[in-house]
């Protein structure tokens, strides 16, 4: 611990304003978490076993599903356990670890969505060169770059937060160790450190989103040049699921991390946090399974084979 730090544990009071709803919240969040796990595991399994899905788009989707699973695992199990406990605590080291992995996988997801946007751009705008450009080696390098960049950002941010001194207050107005509420507890603030954190958030959220916007402008201009309506519909349908996930993901991320000043209403802060830690990860597998014909076809094929084997 830093020399000035006297705090050995933190108290998480994110849901303390709803004492009568603790069991209800536990059941609701547990069901949502189980659905999220089931959806992501189903996507990863289907992509793994169905050889027709062994293409870059679904390779990136399986990585996103894995990253989302790890992202929720960093937060939700501890949150569920605390909903059943009278004293909702997390150790200092536990808080550091949770923040590191939460930010690491969160940043990885943001950058990975930009990589998936680039994949869609090559597929629609350069279809004849798609196999050459998006080869297995390049796709693996993109994933490695995404993970390395995400956890580099996480390392810097977590280091800056926990080199601050924590002297007296240890009550985090949140249900997990997020950056802003933890920084609020510090005895002293670092303007330089907070500026670096804001620049990193700007880079991860804004720059990655800007890259996605640029790729979709190029995609749209290419689609508009396709003569047939069926061709336009088919080209756009390959991007629709990704676009929906991007809007939801970056909408929540920008609201919470790119605001000049966090809101004063702590219940509102908790509600926003539930959106991007519980609801958004649940929406991703739902969107990709319900709106993607290839995933639906592979899922029906797998379920049909299983039912056939059971009836024999």
Protein backbone atom coordinates (compact mmCIF):
# COMPACT_ATOMS: atom_id res chain seq x y z
CA UNK A 1 0.00 0.00 0.00
CA UNK A 2 1.11 3.64 -0.48
CA UNK A 3 2.71 5.02 2.69
CA UNK A 4 -0.11 7.50 3.39
CA UNK A 5 -2.87 4.92 2.90
CA UNK A 6 -4.60 3.83 6.09
CA UNK A 7 -7.55 2.11 4.40
CA UNK A 8 -7.39 -1.71 4.23
CA UNK A 9 -10.90 -2.31 2.89
CA UNK A 10 -13.71 -0.41 1.20
CA UNK A 11 -17.45 -0.46 1.90
CA UNK A 12 -19.60 -0.61 -1.24
CA UNK A 13 -22.86 1.27 -0.65
CA UNK A 14 -24.25 1.39 -4.19
CA UNK A 15 -27.50 -0.41 -3.34
CA UNK A 16 -27.77 0.67 0.31
CA UNK A 17 -30.58 3.09 -0.54
CA UNK A 18 -32.76 0.10 -1.47
CA UNK A 19 -32.65 -2.09 1.69
CA UNK A 20 -36.04 -3.71 1.03
CA UNK A 21 -35.09 -4.67 -2.54
CA UNK A 22 -31.84 -6.53 -1.87
CA UNK A 23 -33.29 -10.03 -2.47
CA UNK A 24 -35.31 -8.86 -5.49
CA UNK A 25 -32.22 -7.22 -6.99
CA UNK A 26 -30.19 -10.36 -6.29
CA UNK A 27 -32.69 -12.58 -8.15
CA UNK A 28 -33.04 -10.16 -11.10
CA UNK A 29 -29.29 -9.62 -11.50
CA UNK A 30 -28.55 -13.34 -11.06
CA UNK A 31 -31.01 -14.24 -13.83
CA UNK A 32 -29.56 -11.56 -16.11
CA UNK A 33 -26.02 -12.75 -15.37
CA UNK A 34 -26.93 -16.38 -16.10
CA UNK A 35 -28.55 -15.31 -19.38
CA UNK A 36 -25.42 -13.32 -20.28
CA UNK A 37 -23.15 -16.28 -19.54
CA UNK A 38 -25.44 -18.68 -21.42
CA UNK A 39 -25.64 -16.38 -24.45
CA UNK A 40 -21.89 -15.75 -24.65
CA UNK A 41 -20.96 -19.39 -24.07
CA UNK A 42 -23.49 -20.44 -26.73
CA UNK A 43 -21.99 -17.98 -29.25
CA UNK A 44 -18.41 -19.12 -28.52
CA UNK A 45 -19.40 -22.80 -28.74
CA UNK A 46 -21.37 -22.43 -31.98
CA UNK A 47 -18.58 -20.49 -33.67
CA UNK A 48 -16.08 -23.10 -32.49
CA UNK A 49 -17.97 -26.19 -33.73
CA UNK A 50 -19.57 -24.81 -36.93
CA UNK A 51 -16.89 -24.64 -39.64
CA UNK A 52 -19.00 -22.33 -41.81
CA UNK A 53 -18.50 -19.65 -39.12
CA UNK A 54 -14.70 -19.90 -39.21
CA UNK A 55 -14.31 -16.48 -40.81
CA UNK A 56 -12.82 -13.25 -39.37
CA UNK A 57 -16.18 -11.65 -38.47
CA UNK A 58 -17.14 -14.56 -36.19
CA UNK A 59 -13.59 -14.98 -34.90
CA UNK A 60 -13.78 -11.39 -33.58
CA UNK A 61 -17.30 -12.02 -32.27
CA UNK A 62 -16.11 -15.05 -30.27
CA UNK A 63 -13.28 -12.94 -28.79
CA UNK A 64 -15.82 -10.22 -27.89
CA UNK A 65 -18.06 -12.81 -26.21
CA UNK A 66 -15.10 -14.14 -24.21
CA UNK A 67 -14.02 -10.63 -23.22
CA UNK A 68 -17.59 -9.71 -22.20
CA UNK A 69 -17.78 -12.87 -20.07
CA UNK A 70 -14.56 -11.92 -18.25
CA UNK A 71 -15.73 -8.30 -17.96
CA UNK A 72 -18.94 -9.31 -16.15
CA UNK A 73 -17.08 -11.90 -14.04
CA UNK A 74 -14.90 -9.09 -12.65
CA UNK A 75 -17.95 -7.29 -11.21
CA UNK A 76 -21.20 -9.26 -10.96
CA UNK A 77 -20.30 -12.25 -8.70
CA UNK A 78 -18.97 -9.90 -6.01
CA UNK A 79 -22.01 -7.64 -6.45
CA UNK A 80 -24.39 -10.62 -6.05
CA UNK A 81 -22.55 -11.80 -2.92
CA UNK A 82 -22.75 -8.31 -1.38
CA UNK A 83 -26.49 -8.11 -2.01
CA UNK A 84 -26.88 -11.05 0.41
CA UNK A 85 -24.53 -9.62 3.05
CA UNK A 86 -25.27 -7.00 5.69
CA UNK A 87 -21.75 -5.57 5.46
CA UNK A 88 -20.83 -5.03 1.83
CA UNK A 89 -17.04 -4.83 1.75
CA UNK A 90 -14.13 -5.42 -0.58
CA UNK A 91 -10.47 -5.53 0.47
CA UNK A 92 -7.98 -2.92 -0.76
CA UNK A 93 -6.19 -5.52 -2.91
CA UNK A 94 -9.55 -6.86 -4.08
CA UNK A 95 -10.54 -3.36 -5.16
CA UNK A 96 -7.27 -2.89 -7.08
CA UNK A 97 -7.73 -6.26 -8.80
CA UNK A 98 -11.37 -5.62 -9.68
CA UNK A 99 -10.62 -2.20 -11.17
CA UNK A 100 -7.67 -3.55 -13.17
CA UNK A 101 -9.67 -6.35 -14.83
CA UNK A 102 -12.86 -4.29 -15.22
CA UNK A 103 -10.98 -1.50 -17.01
CA UNK A 104 -8.80 -3.94 -18.94
CA UNK A 105 -11.67 -5.90 -20.46
CA UNK A 106 -13.77 -2.73 -20.83
CA UNK A 107 -11.04 -1.02 -22.88
CA UNK A 108 -10.47 -4.23 -24.84
CA UNK A 109 -14.16 -4.36 -25.77
CA UNK A 110 -14.14 -0.75 -27.00
CA UNK A 111 -11.09 -1.27 -29.23
CA UNK A 112 -12.34 -4.67 -30.39
CA UNK A 113 -15.57 -3.09 -31.64
CA UNK A 114 -13.44 -0.72 -33.73
CA UNK A 115 -11.51 -3.71 -35.12
CA UNK A 116 -14.83 -5.40 -35.98
CA UNK A 117 -15.87 -2.19 -37.76
CA UNK A 118 -12.69 -2.35 -39.84
CA UNK A 119 -13.47 -5.98 -40.69
CA UNK A 120 -16.93 -4.96 -41.94
CA UNK A 121 -15.34 -2.13 -43.97
CA UNK A 122 -12.96 -4.52 -45.76
CA UNK A 123 -15.79 -7.03 -46.32
CA UNK A 124 -18.13 -4.48 -47.94
CA UNK A 125 -15.70 -2.04 -49.58
CA UNK A 126 -12.91 -4.41 -50.65
CA UNK A 127 -14.66 -7.80 -51.09
CA UNK A 128 -12.18 -9.12 -53.69
CA UNK A 129 -9.23 -8.54 -51.33
CA UNK A 130 -11.03 -9.59 -48.12
CA UNK A 131 -9.41 -13.03 -47.76
CA UNK A 132 -5.97 -11.60 -48.48
CA UNK A 133 -6.22 -8.65 -46.08
CA UNK A 134 -8.10 -10.35 -43.23
CA UNK A 135 -5.93 -13.47 -43.11
CA UNK A 136 -5.58 -15.54 -39.93
CA UNK A 137 -2.22 -14.06 -38.95
CA UNK A 138 -3.42 -10.46 -39.31
CA UNK A 139 -6.62 -11.20 -37.34
CA UNK A 140 -4.58 -12.76 -34.52
CA UNK A 141 -2.27 -9.73 -34.49
CA UNK A 142 -5.27 -7.39 -34.29
CA UNK A 143 -6.65 -9.29 -31.28
CA UNK A 144 -3.24 -9.31 -29.58
CA UNK A 145 -2.90 -5.55 -30.16
CA UNK A 146 -6.42 -4.97 -28.82
CA UNK A 147 -5.83 -6.94 -25.59
CA UNK A 148 -2.35 -5.44 -25.04
CA UNK A 149 -3.62 -1.88 -25.56
CA UNK A 150 -6.67 -2.43 -23.36
CA UNK A 151 -4.63 -3.75 -20.43
CA UNK A 152 -1.89 -1.16 -20.89
CA UNK A 153 -4.54 1.54 -20.47
CA UNK A 154 -5.95 -0.34 -17.48
CA UNK A 155 -2.51 -0.65 -15.85
CA UNK A 156 -1.82 3.08 -16.16
CA UNK A 157 -5.27 4.10 -14.87
CA UNK A 158 -5.26 1.65 -11.95
CA UNK A 159 -1.73 2.69 -10.97
CA UNK A 160 -2.68 6.38 -10.97
CA UNK A 161 -5.80 5.77 -8.85
CA UNK A 162 -4.12 3.60 -6.21
CA UNK A 163 -1.00 5.72 -5.77
CA UNK A 164 -3.36 8.31 -4.27
CA UNK A 165 -3.49 8.33 -0.45
CA UNK A 166 -6.67 7.02 1.25
CA UNK A 167 -6.77 8.20 4.86
CA UNK A 168 -10.22 8.20 6.44
CA UNK A 169 -13.33 7.59 4.38
CA UNK A 170 -13.65 4.12 2.83
CA UNK A 171 -17.28 4.25 1.66
CA UNK A 172 -17.51 3.90 -2.12
CA UNK A 173 -20.80 5.26 -3.47
CA UNK A 174 -21.02 2.45 -6.02
CA UNK A 175 -21.52 -1.33 -6.06
CA UNK A 176 -18.02 -1.99 -7.44
CA UNK A 177 -14.61 -0.29 -7.55
CA UNK A 178 -15.08 2.17 -10.38
CA UNK A 179 -12.54 4.95 -10.92
CA UNK A 180 -14.53 8.11 -10.20
CA UNK A 181 -16.06 7.09 -6.82
CA UNK A 182 -12.71 5.67 -5.63
CA UNK A 183 -10.82 8.83 -6.60
CA UNK A 184 -13.38 10.87 -4.62
CA UNK A 185 -12.21 9.10 -1.43
CA UNK A 186 -8.56 10.13 -1.81
CA UNK A 187 -7.07 12.53 0.75
CA UNK A 188 -5.25 14.37 -2.02
CA UNK A 189 -6.01 14.67 -5.72
CA UNK A 190 -3.58 14.62 -8.64
CA UNK A 191 -4.60 16.98 -11.44
CA UNK A 192 -1.96 15.51 -13.72
CA UNK A 193 -3.10 11.96 -12.95
CA UNK A 194 -6.77 12.78 -13.53
CA UNK A 195 -5.88 14.49 -16.81
CA UNK A 196 -3.97 11.39 -17.96
CA UNK A 197 -6.96 9.21 -17.05
CA UNK A 198 -9.31 11.50 -19.00
CA UNK A 199 -6.98 11.43 -22.04
CA UNK A 200 -6.87 7.61 -21.93
CA UNK A 201 -10.68 7.43 -21.69
CA UNK A 202 -10.91 9.91 -24.57
CA UNK A 203 -8.51 7.79 -26.63
CA UNK A 204 -10.29 4.50 -25.94
CA UNK A 205 -13.89 5.72 -26.21
CA UNK A 206 -13.79 8.70 -28.58
CA UNK A 207 -10.97 7.73 -30.96
CA UNK A 208 -12.21 4.15 -31.33
CA UNK A 209 -15.77 5.43 -31.90
CA UNK A 210 -14.47 7.98 -34.43
CA UNK A 211 -12.76 5.16 -36.33
CA UNK A 212 -16.04 3.22 -36.37
CA UNK A 213 -17.92 6.28 -37.67
CA UNK A 214 -15.32 6.70 -40.44
CA UNK A 215 -15.58 3.05 -41.48
CA UNK A 216 -19.38 3.24 -41.59
CA UNK A 217 -19.30 6.41 -43.70
CA UNK A 218 -17.16 4.50 -46.22
CA UNK A 219 -19.41 1.43 -45.92
CA UNK A 220 -22.56 3.52 -46.50
CA UNK A 221 -21.07 5.25 -49.54
CA UNK A 222 -20.21 1.83 -51.00
CA UNK A 223 -23.66 0.38 -50.26
CA UNK A 224 -25.38 3.33 -51.96
CA UNK A 225 -23.46 2.52 -55.15
CA UNK A 226 -24.85 -1.04 -55.28
CA UNK A 227 -27.48 -1.06 -58.05
CA UNK A 228 -29.92 -3.65 -56.69
CA UNK A 229 -32.09 -3.17 -53.59
CA UNK A 230 -31.45 -6.78 -52.58
CA UNK A 231 -27.69 -6.20 -52.79
CA UNK A 232 -27.97 -3.10 -50.61
CA UNK A 233 -30.10 -4.96 -48.05
CA UNK A 234 -27.68 -7.90 -47.91
CA UNK A 235 -24.63 -5.64 -47.52
CA UNK A 236 -26.22 -3.60 -44.75
CA UNK A 237 -27.55 -6.68 -42.91
CA UNK A 238 -23.96 -7.89 -42.36
CA UNK A 239 -23.29 -4.67 -40.42
CA UNK A 240 -26.59 -4.18 -38.57
CA UNK A 241 -25.83 -6.30 -35.48
CA UNK A 242 -22.42 -4.70 -35.01
CA UNK A 243 -23.88 -1.22 -35.42
CA UNK A 244 -26.58 -1.80 -32.77
CA UNK A 245 -24.00 -3.10 -30.26
CA UNK A 246 -21.71 -0.13 -31.01
CA UNK A 247 -24.47 2.42 -30.35
CA UNK A 248 -25.45 0.77 -27.03
CA UNK A 249 -21.87 0.17 -25.87
CA UNK A 250 -20.40 3.57 -26.73
CA UNK A 251 -23.53 5.42 -25.64
CA UNK A 252 -23.19 4.05 -22.09
CA UNK A 253 -19.39 4.42 -22.04
CA UNK A 254 -19.45 8.07 -23.15
CA UNK A 255 -22.17 8.98 -20.63
CA UNK A 256 -20.18 7.65 -17.69
CA UNK A 257 -16.56 8.36 -18.68
CA UNK A 258 -16.54 11.46 -20.88
CA UNK A 259 -18.63 13.74 -18.66
CA UNK A 260 -16.71 16.76 -17.36
CA UNK A 261 -18.27 16.29 -13.91
CA UNK A 262 -20.11 13.28 -12.46
CA UNK A 263 -23.70 13.78 -11.37
CA UNK A 264 -24.62 14.51 -7.79
CA UNK A 265 -27.54 12.07 -7.65
CA UNK A 266 -25.94 8.83 -6.44
CA UNK A 267 -29.00 6.73 -7.35
CA UNK A 268 -28.71 7.95 -10.94
CA UNK A 269 -25.01 7.04 -10.95
CA UNK A 270 -25.85 3.53 -9.72
CA UNK A 271 -28.56 3.16 -12.38
CA UNK A 272 -26.16 4.21 -15.17
CA UNK A 273 -23.56 1.78 -13.83
CA UNK A 274 -26.09 -1.09 -13.87
CA UNK A 275 -26.72 -0.26 -17.53
CA UNK A 276 -23.12 -0.76 -18.67
CA UNK A 277 -22.13 -3.54 -16.25
CA UNK A 278 -25.25 -5.74 -16.37
CA UNK A 279 -27.65 -4.73 -19.17
CA UNK A 280 -25.24 -3.96 -22.04
CA UNK A 281 -23.33 -7.29 -21.71
CA UNK A 282 -26.72 -9.06 -21.83
CA UNK A 283 -27.82 -7.19 -24.96
CA UNK A 284 -24.73 -8.16 -26.99
CA UNK A 285 -25.44 -11.92 -27.26
CA UNK A 286 -29.17 -11.22 -27.70
CA UNK A 287 -28.53 -8.85 -30.61
CA UNK A 288 -26.02 -11.15 -32.28
CA UNK A 289 -28.21 -14.26 -31.95
CA UNK A 290 -31.55 -12.68 -32.92
CA UNK A 291 -30.32 -10.47 -35.78
CA UNK A 292 -27.62 -12.68 -37.29
CA UNK A 293 -28.94 -15.32 -39.69
CA UNK A 294 -25.72 -17.34 -39.72
CA UNK A 295 -25.65 -17.64 -35.91
CA UNK A 296 -29.37 -18.51 -35.83
CA UNK A 297 -28.92 -21.13 -38.55
CA UNK A 298 -25.95 -22.70 -36.74
CA UNK A 299 -27.87 -22.63 -33.43
CA UNK A 300 -30.93 -24.34 -34.95
CA UNK A 301 -28.66 -26.88 -36.64
CA UNK A 302 -26.92 -27.69 -33.33
CA UNK A 303 -30.20 -27.92 -31.41
CA UNK A 304 -31.77 -30.04 -34.14
CA UNK A 305 -28.83 -32.46 -34.09
CA UNK A 306 -29.03 -32.74 -30.29
CA UNK A 307 -32.78 -33.45 -30.36
CA UNK A 308 -32.26 -36.02 -33.10
CA UNK A 309 -29.60 -37.82 -31.05
CA UNK A 310 -31.92 -37.88 -28.00
CA UNK A 311 -34.79 -39.46 -29.97
CA UNK A 312 -32.61 -42.29 -31.32
